[in-house]
Amino acid sequence: MIKVPWSHRIFSERTILKVRRLYRPNTPTQWTDVALNRMTVAKFLAILDASPFLVSDFRLTPIRPLPLWLVRRRLFREWTNANVSAILTKPS
């Protein structure tokens, strides 16, 4: 909804959810209600490492209009990433 990167660092959770209610019919009470799970890239990678599944595809999507190389650098990936996706396969 908010097209500004890192809005959660600028505004409080309460403020963002209050403004969101003006434009959306449901009434969220916390981040998880609006699909913001507070998952970092590092935490996601740790979960993948601990998983018995094999990673067959892994993608980081940068915040537009940032270049892809930024999300590939460990130093920048937490602040420049818009989405992480992975395809896991069950080991045979």
PDB file of N, CA and C in Angstrom:
ATOM      1  N   MET A   1       0.819  -1.186   0.000  1.00  0.00           N
ATOM      2  CA  MET A   1       0.000   0.000   0.000  1.00  0.00           C
ATOM      3  C   MET A   1       0.867   1.256   0.000  1.00  0.00           C
ATOM      4  N   ILE A   2       1.840   1.299   0.865  1.00  0.00           N
ATOM      5  CA  ILE A   2       2.726   2.463   0.929  1.00  0.00           C
ATOM      6  C   ILE A   2       3.902   2.191   0.004  1.00  0.00           C
ATOM      7  N   LYS A   3       4.089   3.056  -0.960  1.00  0.00           N
ATOM      8  CA  LYS A   3       5.117   2.852  -1.973  1.00  0.00           C
ATOM      9  C   LYS A   3       6.491   3.369  -1.545  1.00  0.00           C
ATOM     10  N   VAL A   4       6.625   3.782  -0.318  1.00  0.00           N
ATOM     11  CA  VAL A   4       7.892   4.282   0.195  1.00  0.00           C
ATOM     12  C   VAL A   4       8.641   3.131   0.850  1.00  0.00           C
ATOM     13  N   PRO A   5       9.864   2.849   0.397  1.00  0.00           N
ATOM     14  CA  PRO A   5      10.633   1.793   1.069  1.00  0.00           C
ATOM     15  C   PRO A   5      10.909   2.155   2.526  1.00  0.00           C
ATOM     16  N   TRP A   6      10.920   1.175   3.359  1.00  0.00           N
ATOM     17  CA  TRP A   6      11.247   1.309   4.773  1.00  0.00           C
ATOM     18  C   TRP A   6      10.276   2.196   5.538  1.00  0.00           C
ATOM     19  N   SER A   7       9.036   2.233   5.101  1.00  0.00           N
ATOM     20  CA  SER A   7       8.050   3.076   5.791  1.00  0.00           C
ATOM     21  C   SER A   7       7.882   2.648   7.249  1.00  0.00           C
ATOM     22  N   HIS A   8       8.095   1.366   7.514  1.00  0.00           N
ATOM     23  CA  HIS A   8       7.981   0.879   8.890  1.00  0.00           C
ATOM     24  C   HIS A   8       9.084   1.435   9.789  1.00  0.00           C
ATOM     25  N   ARG A   9      10.148   1.967   9.187  1.00  0.00           N
ATOM     26  CA  ARG A   9      11.210   2.617   9.960  1.00  0.00           C
ATOM     27  C   ARG A   9      10.888   4.089  10.209  1.00  0.00           C
ATOM     28  N   ILE A  10      10.045   4.648   9.359  1.00  0.00           N
ATOM     29  CA  ILE A  10       9.698   6.067   9.478  1.00  0.00           C
ATOM     30  C   ILE A  10       8.465   6.256  10.365  1.00  0.00           C
ATOM     31  N   PHE A  11       7.458   5.380  10.153  1.00  0.00           N
ATOM     32  CA  PHE A  11       6.196   5.493  10.881  1.00  0.00           C
ATOM     33  C   PHE A  11       5.996   4.290  11.792  1.00  0.00           C
ATOM     34  N   SER A  12       5.239   4.482  12.850  1.00  0.00           N
ATOM     35  CA  SER A  12       4.954   3.388  13.767  1.00  0.00           C
ATOM     36  C   SER A  12       3.954   2.412  13.137  1.00  0.00           C
ATOM     37  N   GLU A  13       3.914   1.218  13.666  1.00  0.00           N
ATOM     38  CA  GLU A  13       2.955   0.211  13.201  1.00  0.00           C
ATOM     39  C   GLU A  13       1.523   0.735  13.345  1.00  0.00           C
ATOM     40  N   ARG A  14       1.254   1.369  14.450  1.00  0.00           N
ATOM     41  CA  ARG A  14      -0.081   1.912  14.717  1.00  0.00           C
ATOM     42  C   ARG A  14      -0.484   2.936  13.654  1.00  0.00           C
ATOM     43  N   THR A  15       0.431   3.826  13.290  1.00  0.00           N
ATOM     44  CA  THR A  15       0.146   4.854  12.289  1.00  0.00           C
ATOM     45  C   THR A  15      -0.116   4.240  10.918  1.00  0.00           C
ATOM     46  N   ILE A  16       0.713   3.319  10.506  1.00  0.00           N
ATOM     47  CA  ILE A  16       0.545   2.681   9.197  1.00  0.00           C
ATOM     48  C   ILE A  16      -0.786   1.936   9.122  1.00  0.00           C
ATOM     49  N   LEU A  17      -1.119   1.196  10.158  1.00  0.00           N
ATOM     50  CA  LEU A  17      -2.371   0.442  10.144  1.00  0.00           C
ATOM     51  C   LEU A  17      -3.592   1.375  10.205  1.00  0.00           C
ATOM     52  N   LYS A  18      -3.452   2.483  10.898  1.00  0.00           N
ATOM     53  CA  LYS A  18      -4.554   3.453  10.968  1.00  0.00           C
ATOM     54  C   LYS A  18      -4.818   4.072   9.587  1.00  0.00           C
ATOM     55  N   VAL A  19      -3.766   4.443   8.884  1.00  0.00           N
ATOM     56  CA  VAL A  19      -3.918   5.010   7.545  1.00  0.00           C
ATOM     57  C   VAL A  19      -4.433   3.949   6.577  1.00  0.00           C
ATOM     58  N   ARG A  20      -3.958   2.739   6.725  1.00  0.00           N
ATOM     59  CA  ARG A  20      -4.407   1.650   5.846  1.00  0.00           C
ATOM     60  C   ARG A  20      -5.917   1.445   5.948  1.00  0.00           C
ATOM     61  N   ARG A  21      -6.452   1.563   7.144  1.00  0.00           N
ATOM     62  CA  ARG A  21      -7.891   1.388   7.352  1.00  0.00           C
ATOM     63  C   ARG A  21      -8.728   2.405   6.583  1.00  0.00           C
ATOM     64  N   LEU A  22      -8.156   3.538   6.242  1.00  0.00           N
ATOM     65  CA  LEU A  22      -8.876   4.546   5.455  1.00  0.00           C
ATOM     66  C   LEU A  22      -9.126   4.083   4.018  1.00  0.00           C
ATOM     67  N   TYR A  23      -8.271   3.192   3.524  1.00  0.00           N
ATOM     68  CA  TYR A  23      -8.329   2.777   2.121  1.00  0.00           C
ATOM     69  C   TYR A  23      -8.752   1.331   1.913  1.00  0.00           C
ATOM     70  N   ARG A  24      -8.699   0.534   2.959  1.00  0.00           N
ATOM     71  CA  ARG A  24      -9.044  -0.886   2.846  1.00  0.00           C
ATOM     72  C   ARG A  24     -10.183  -1.219   3.810  1.00  0.00           C
ATOM     73  N   PRO A  25     -11.073  -2.130   3.409  1.00  0.00           N
ATOM     74  CA  PRO A  25     -12.247  -2.418   4.237  1.00  0.00           C
ATOM     75  C   PRO A  25     -11.958  -3.186   5.533  1.00  0.00           C
ATOM     76  N   ASN A  26     -10.981  -4.060   5.526  1.00  0.00           N
ATOM     77  CA  ASN A  26     -10.720  -4.822   6.753  1.00  0.00           C
ATOM     78  C   ASN A  26      -9.968  -3.959   7.766  1.00  0.00           C
ATOM     79  N   THR A  27      -9.969  -4.382   9.004  1.00  0.00           N
ATOM     80  CA  THR A  27      -9.328  -3.594  10.055  1.00  0.00           C
ATOM     81  C   THR A  27      -8.187  -4.385  10.684  1.00  0.00           C
ATOM     82  N   PRO A  28      -7.002  -4.293  10.129  1.00  0.00           N
ATOM     83  CA  PRO A  28      -5.870  -5.024  10.688  1.00  0.00           C
ATOM     84  C   PRO A  28      -5.454  -4.444  12.039  1.00  0.00           C
ATOM     85  N   THR A  29      -4.927  -5.305  12.884  1.00  0.00           N
ATOM     86  CA  THR A  29      -4.476  -4.855  14.195  1.00  0.00           C
ATOM     87  C   THR A  29      -2.978  -5.031  14.395  1.00  0.00           C
ATOM     88  N   GLN A  30      -2.336  -5.756  13.477  1.00  0.00           N
ATOM     89  CA  GLN A  30      -0.893  -5.968  13.580  1.00  0.00           C
ATOM     90  C   GLN A  30      -0.309  -6.238  12.193  1.00  0.00           C
ATOM     91  N   TRP A  31       1.019  -6.230  12.123  1.00  0.00           N
ATOM     92  CA  TRP A  31       1.698  -6.415  10.836  1.00  0.00           C
ATOM     93  C   TRP A  31       1.285  -7.694  10.127  1.00  0.00           C
ATOM     94  N   THR A  32       1.144  -8.763  10.853  1.00  0.00           N
ATOM     95  CA  THR A  32       0.824 -10.040  10.213  1.00  0.00           C
ATOM     96  C   THR A  32      -0.536 -10.023   9.528  1.00  0.00           C
ATOM     97  N   ASP A  33      -1.423  -9.132   9.930  1.00  0.00           N
ATOM     98  CA  ASP A  33      -2.732  -9.011   9.277  1.00  0.00           C
ATOM     99  C   ASP A  33      -2.625  -8.442   7.866  1.00  0.00           C
ATOM    100  N   VAL A  34      -1.541  -7.766   7.579  1.00  0.00           N
ATOM    101  CA  VAL A  34      -1.344  -7.179   6.251  1.00  0.00           C
ATOM    102  C   VAL A  34      -0.165  -7.829   5.526  1.00  0.00           C
ATOM    103  N   ALA A  35       0.139  -9.054   5.920  1.00  0.00           N
ATOM    104  CA  ALA A  35       1.164  -9.888   5.275  1.00  0.00           C
ATOM    105  C   ALA A  35       2.586  -9.368   5.450  1.00  0.00           C
ATOM    106  N   LEU A  36       2.832  -8.613   6.483  1.00  0.00           N
ATOM    107  CA  LEU A  36       4.195  -8.205   6.802  1.00  0.00           C
ATOM    108  C   LEU A  36       4.649  -9.060   7.980  1.00  0.00           C
ATOM    109  N   ASN A  37       5.475 -10.040   7.687  1.00  0.00           N
ATOM    110  CA  ASN A  37       5.793 -11.025   8.712  1.00  0.00           C
ATOM    111  C   ASN A  37       7.089 -10.765   9.468  1.00  0.00           C
ATOM    112  N   ARG A  38       7.714  -9.627   9.214  1.00  0.00           N
ATOM    113  CA  ARG A  38       8.954  -9.265   9.906  1.00  0.00           C
ATOM    114  C   ARG A  38      10.062 -10.287   9.691  1.00  0.00           C
ATOM    115  N   MET A  39      10.028 -10.949   8.582  1.00  0.00           N
ATOM    116  CA  MET A  39      11.044 -11.944   8.242  1.00  0.00           C
ATOM    117  C   MET A  39      12.187 -11.239   7.518  1.00  0.00           C
ATOM    118  N   THR A  40      13.384 -11.417   8.020  1.00  0.00           N
ATOM    119  CA  THR A  40      14.546 -10.864   7.342  1.00  0.00           C
ATOM    120  C   THR A  40      15.075 -11.892   6.349  1.00  0.00           C
ATOM    121  N   VAL A  41      15.884 -11.426   5.424  1.00  0.00           N
ATOM    122  CA  VAL A  41      16.501 -12.335   4.459  1.00  0.00           C
ATOM    123  C   VAL A  41      17.412 -13.312   5.201  1.00  0.00           C
ATOM    124  N   ALA A  42      18.162 -12.818   6.158  1.00  0.00           N
ATOM    125  CA  ALA A  42      19.067 -13.678   6.929  1.00  0.00           C
ATOM    126  C   ALA A  42      18.298 -14.774   7.671  1.00  0.00           C
ATOM    127  N   LYS A  43      17.174 -14.427   8.261  1.00  0.00           N
ATOM    128  CA  LYS A  43      16.365 -15.416   8.970  1.00  0.00           C
ATOM    129  C   LYS A  43      15.793 -16.449   7.995  1.00  0.00           C
ATOM    130  N   PHE A  44      15.346 -15.983   6.831  1.00  0.00           N
ATOM    131  CA  PHE A  44      14.818 -16.897   5.820  1.00  0.00           C
ATOM    132  C   PHE A  44      15.902 -17.869   5.348  1.00  0.00           C
ATOM    133  N   LEU A  45      17.108 -17.358   5.116  1.00  0.00           N
ATOM    134  CA  LEU A  45      18.214 -18.220   4.697  1.00  0.00           C
ATOM    135  C   LEU A  45      18.588 -19.233   5.780  1.00  0.00           C
ATOM    136  N   ALA A  46      18.520 -18.825   7.033  1.00  0.00           N
ATOM    137  CA  ALA A  46      18.802 -19.750   8.137  1.00  0.00           C
ATOM    138  C   ALA A  46      17.763 -20.867   8.185  1.00  0.00           C
ATOM    139  N   ILE A  47      16.511 -20.521   7.941  1.00  0.00           N
ATOM    140  CA  ILE A  47      15.451 -21.543   7.891  1.00  0.00           C
ATOM    141  C   ILE A  47      15.683 -22.502   6.737  1.00  0.00           C
ATOM    142  N   LEU A  48      16.089 -21.969   5.591  1.00  0.00           N
ATOM    143  CA  LEU A  48      16.395 -22.828   4.440  1.00  0.00           C
ATOM    144  C   LEU A  48      17.557 -23.764   4.744  1.00  0.00           C
ATOM    145  N   ASP A  49      18.595 -23.246   5.396  1.00  0.00           N
ATOM    146  CA  ASP A  49      19.757 -24.074   5.740  1.00  0.00           C
ATOM    147  C   ASP A  49      19.395 -25.200   6.699  1.00  0.00           C
ATOM    148  N   ALA A  50      18.473 -24.929   7.603  1.00  0.00           N
ATOM    149  CA  ALA A  50      18.067 -25.937   8.589  1.00  0.00           C
ATOM    150  C   ALA A  50      17.049 -26.923   8.024  1.00  0.00           C
ATOM    151  N   SER A  51      16.482 -26.610   6.896  1.00  0.00           N
ATOM    152  CA  SER A  51      15.453 -27.449   6.289  1.00  0.00           C
ATOM    153  C   SER A  51      16.061 -28.668   5.599  1.00  0.00           C
ATOM    154  N   PRO A  52      15.368 -29.803   5.647  1.00  0.00           N
ATOM    155  CA  PRO A  52      15.859 -30.979   4.928  1.00  0.00           C
ATOM    156  C   PRO A  52      15.603 -30.890   3.419  1.00  0.00           C
ATOM    157  N   PHE A  53      14.815 -29.900   2.993  1.00  0.00           N
ATOM    158  CA  PHE A  53      14.487 -29.754   1.582  1.00  0.00           C
ATOM    159  C   PHE A  53      15.647 -29.124   0.812  1.00  0.00           C
ATOM    160  N   LEU A  54      15.705 -29.418  -0.469  1.00  0.00           N
ATOM    161  CA  LEU A  54      16.730 -28.865  -1.345  1.00  0.00           C
ATOM    162  C   LEU A  54      16.192 -27.610  -2.023  1.00  0.00           C
ATOM    163  N   VAL A  55      17.031 -26.598  -2.115  1.00  0.00           N
ATOM    164  CA  VAL A  55      16.620 -25.353  -2.757  1.00  0.00           C
ATOM    165  C   VAL A  55      16.875 -25.499  -4.256  1.00  0.00           C
ATOM    166  N   SER A  56      15.789 -25.528  -5.032  1.00  0.00           N
ATOM    167  CA  SER A  56      15.950 -25.651  -6.486  1.00  0.00           C
ATOM    168  C   SER A  56      15.909 -24.294  -7.174  1.00  0.00           C
ATOM    169  N   ASP A  57      15.353 -23.284  -6.518  1.00  0.00           N
ATOM    170  CA  ASP A  57      15.357 -21.929  -7.066  1.00  0.00           C
ATOM    171  C   ASP A  57      15.269 -20.940  -5.911  1.00  0.00           C
ATOM    172  N   PHE A  58      16.026 -19.870  -6.005  1.00  0.00           N
ATOM    173  CA  PHE A  58      16.039 -18.834  -4.974  1.00  0.00           C
ATOM    174  C   PHE A  58      16.152 -17.486  -5.667  1.00  0.00           C
ATOM    175  N   ARG A  59      15.255 -16.557  -5.329  1.00  0.00           N
ATOM    176  CA  ARG A  59      15.258 -15.240  -5.968  1.00  0.00           C
ATOM    177  C   ARG A  59      15.042 -14.122  -4.959  1.00  0.00           C
ATOM    178  N   LEU A  60      15.806 -13.077  -5.138  1.00  0.00           N
ATOM    179  CA  LEU A  60      15.632 -11.836  -4.394  1.00  0.00           C
ATOM    180  C   LEU A  60      15.172 -10.785  -5.393  1.00  0.00           C
ATOM    181  N   THR A  61      14.145 -10.043  -5.043  1.00  0.00           N
ATOM    182  CA  THR A  61      13.623  -9.004  -5.927  1.00  0.00           C
ATOM    183  C   THR A  61      13.902  -7.646  -5.300  1.00  0.00           C
ATOM    184  N   PRO A  62      14.630  -6.783  -5.986  1.00  0.00           N
ATOM    185  CA  PRO A  62      14.937  -5.473  -5.406  1.00  0.00           C
ATOM    186  C   PRO A  62      13.724  -4.548  -5.405  1.00  0.00           C
ATOM    187  N   ILE A  63      13.744  -3.590  -4.501  1.00  0.00           N
ATOM    188  CA  ILE A  63      12.747  -2.527  -4.505  1.00  0.00           C
ATOM    189  C   ILE A  63      12.978  -1.723  -5.773  1.00  0.00           C
ATOM    190  N   ARG A  64      11.906  -1.500  -6.532  1.00  0.00           N
ATOM    191  CA  ARG A  64      12.070  -0.715  -7.759  1.00  0.00           C
ATOM    192  C   ARG A  64      12.394   0.717  -7.426  1.00  0.00           C
ATOM    193  N   PRO A  65      13.256   1.343  -8.097  1.00  0.00           N
ATOM    194  CA  PRO A  65      13.980   1.011  -9.313  1.00  0.00           C
ATOM    195  C   PRO A  65      15.416   0.566  -9.044  1.00  0.00           C
ATOM    196  N   LEU A  66      15.682   0.021  -7.886  1.00  0.00           N
ATOM    197  CA  LEU A  66      17.048  -0.358  -7.528  1.00  0.00           C
ATOM    198  C   LEU A  66      17.547  -1.525  -8.382  1.00  0.00           C
ATOM    199  N   PRO A  67      18.855  -1.576  -8.631  1.00  0.00           N
ATOM    200  CA  PRO A  67      19.402  -2.656  -9.455  1.00  0.00           C
ATOM    201  C   PRO A  67      19.500  -3.971  -8.678  1.00  0.00           C
ATOM    202  N   LEU A  68      19.468  -5.056  -9.412  1.00  0.00           N
ATOM    203  CA  LEU A  68      19.505  -6.401  -8.820  1.00  0.00           C
ATOM    204  C   LEU A  68      20.785  -6.659  -8.032  1.00  0.00           C
ATOM    205  N   TRP A  69      21.901  -6.095  -8.458  1.00  0.00           N
ATOM    206  CA  TRP A  69      23.161  -6.380  -7.772  1.00  0.00           C
ATOM    207  C   TRP A  69      23.138  -5.930  -6.312  1.00  0.00           C
ATOM    208  N   LEU A  70      22.315  -4.934  -5.976  1.00  0.00           N
ATOM    209  CA  LEU A  70      22.243  -4.485  -4.586  1.00  0.00           C
ATOM    210  C   LEU A  70      21.693  -5.571  -3.656  1.00  0.00           C
ATOM    211  N   VAL A  71      20.647  -6.275  -4.096  1.00  0.00           N
ATOM    212  CA  VAL A  71      20.082  -7.313  -3.221  1.00  0.00           C
ATOM    213  C   VAL A  71      20.985  -8.535  -3.139  1.00  0.00           C
ATOM    214  N   ARG A  72      21.896  -8.660  -4.071  1.00  0.00           N
ATOM    215  CA  ARG A  72      22.824  -9.795  -4.035  1.00  0.00           C
ATOM    216  C   ARG A  72      23.997  -9.572  -3.088  1.00  0.00           C
ATOM    217  N   ARG A  73      24.213  -8.343  -2.680  1.00  0.00           N
ATOM    218  CA  ARG A  73      25.285  -8.027  -1.731  1.00  0.00           C
ATOM    219  C   ARG A  73      24.753  -8.154  -0.312  1.00  0.00           C
ATOM    220  N   ARG A  74      25.410  -8.920   0.498  1.00  0.00           N
ATOM    221  CA  ARG A  74      24.965  -9.173   1.864  1.00  0.00           C
ATOM    222  C   ARG A  74      24.786  -7.880   2.657  1.00  0.00           C
ATOM    223  N   LEU A  75      25.638  -6.924   2.426  1.00  0.00           N
ATOM    224  CA  LEU A  75      25.587  -5.662   3.156  1.00  0.00           C
ATOM    225  C   LEU A  75      24.294  -4.893   2.890  1.00  0.00           C
ATOM    226  N   PHE A  76      23.771  -4.995   1.666  1.00  0.00           N
ATOM    227  CA  PHE A  76      22.612  -4.191   1.267  1.00  0.00           C
ATOM    228  C   PHE A  76      21.295  -4.950   1.204  1.00  0.00           C
ATOM    229  N   ARG A  77      21.316  -6.268   1.187  1.00  0.00           N
ATOM    230  CA  ARG A  77      20.116  -7.037   0.842  1.00  0.00           C
ATOM    231  C   ARG A  77      18.932  -6.840   1.791  1.00  0.00           C
ATOM    232  N   GLU A  78      19.173  -6.622   3.070  1.00  0.00           N
ATOM    233  CA  GLU A  78      18.056  -6.430   4.001  1.00  0.00           C
ATOM    234  C   GLU A  78      17.321  -5.112   3.746  1.00  0.00           C
ATOM    235  N   TRP A  79      18.011  -4.136   3.172  1.00  0.00           N
ATOM    236  CA  TRP A  79      17.445  -2.803   2.988  1.00  0.00           C
ATOM    237  C   TRP A  79      17.001  -2.528   1.558  1.00  0.00           C
ATOM    238  N   THR A  80      17.372  -3.393   0.631  1.00  0.00           N
ATOM    239  CA  THR A  80      17.033  -3.146  -0.771  1.00  0.00           C
ATOM    240  C   THR A  80      16.109  -4.209  -1.352  1.00  0.00           C
ATOM    241  N   ASN A  81      15.725  -5.171  -0.552  1.00  0.00           N
ATOM    242  CA  ASN A  81      14.931  -6.291  -1.025  1.00  0.00           C
ATOM    243  C   ASN A  81      13.435  -6.059  -0.837  1.00  0.00           C
ATOM    244  N   ALA A  82      12.654  -6.374  -1.880  1.00  0.00           N
ATOM    245  CA  ALA A  82      11.202  -6.255  -1.794  1.00  0.00           C
ATOM    246  C   ALA A  82      10.550  -7.602  -1.580  1.00  0.00           C
ATOM    247  N   ASN A  83      11.196  -8.667  -2.069  1.00  0.00           N
ATOM    248  CA  ASN A  83      10.579  -9.990  -2.007  1.00  0.00           C
ATOM    249  C   ASN A  83      11.645 -11.074  -2.088  1.00  0.00           C
ATOM    250  N   VAL A  84      11.403 -12.156  -1.370  1.00  0.00           N
ATOM    251  CA  VAL A  84      12.266 -13.337  -1.447  1.00  0.00           C
ATOM    252  C   VAL A  84      11.362 -14.507  -1.812  1.00  0.00           C
ATOM    253  N   SER A  85      11.813 -15.287  -2.770  1.00  0.00           N
ATOM    254  CA  SER A  85      11.047 -16.501  -3.101  1.00  0.00           C
ATOM    255  C   SER A  85      12.009 -17.657  -3.285  1.00  0.00           C
ATOM    256  N   ALA A  86      11.535 -18.814  -2.921  1.00  0.00           N
ATOM    257  CA  ALA A  86      12.344 -20.024  -3.060  1.00  0.00           C
ATOM    258  C   ALA A  86      11.432 -21.189  -3.433  1.00  0.00           C
ATOM    259  N   ILE A  87      11.971 -22.066  -4.248  1.00  0.00           N
ATOM    260  CA  ILE A  87      11.287 -23.309  -4.568  1.00  0.00           C
ATOM    261  C   ILE A  87      12.100 -24.426  -3.937  1.00  0.00           C
ATOM    262  N   LEU A  88      11.453 -25.182  -3.094  1.00  0.00           N
ATOM    263  CA  LEU A  88      12.120 -26.275  -2.390  1.00  0.00           C
ATOM    264  C   LEU A  88      11.627 -27.609  -2.946  1.00  0.00           C
ATOM    265  N   THR A  89      12.525 -28.567  -2.987  1.00  0.00           N
ATOM    266  CA  THR A  89      12.150 -29.914  -3.428  1.00  0.00           C
ATOM    267  C   THR A  89      12.468 -30.901  -2.327  1.00  0.00           C
ATOM    268  N   LYS A  90      11.618 -31.881  -2.227  1.00  0.00           N
ATOM    269  CA  LYS A  90      11.792 -32.920  -1.216  1.00  0.00           C
ATOM    270  C   LYS A  90      12.936 -33.838  -1.644  1.00  0.00           C
ATOM    271  N   PRO A  91      13.873 -34.108  -0.733  1.00  0.00           N
ATOM    272  CA  PRO A  91      14.974 -35.002  -1.090  1.00  0.00           C
ATOM    273  C   PRO A  91      14.455 -36.427  -1.317  1.00  0.00           C
ATOM    274  N   SER A  92      15.074 -37.090  -2.258  1.00  0.00           N
ATOM    275  CA  SER A  92      14.609 -38.457  -2.555  1.00  0.00           C
ATOM    276  C   SER A  92      15.291 -39.496  -1.706  1.00  0.00           C
TER     277      SER A  92
END
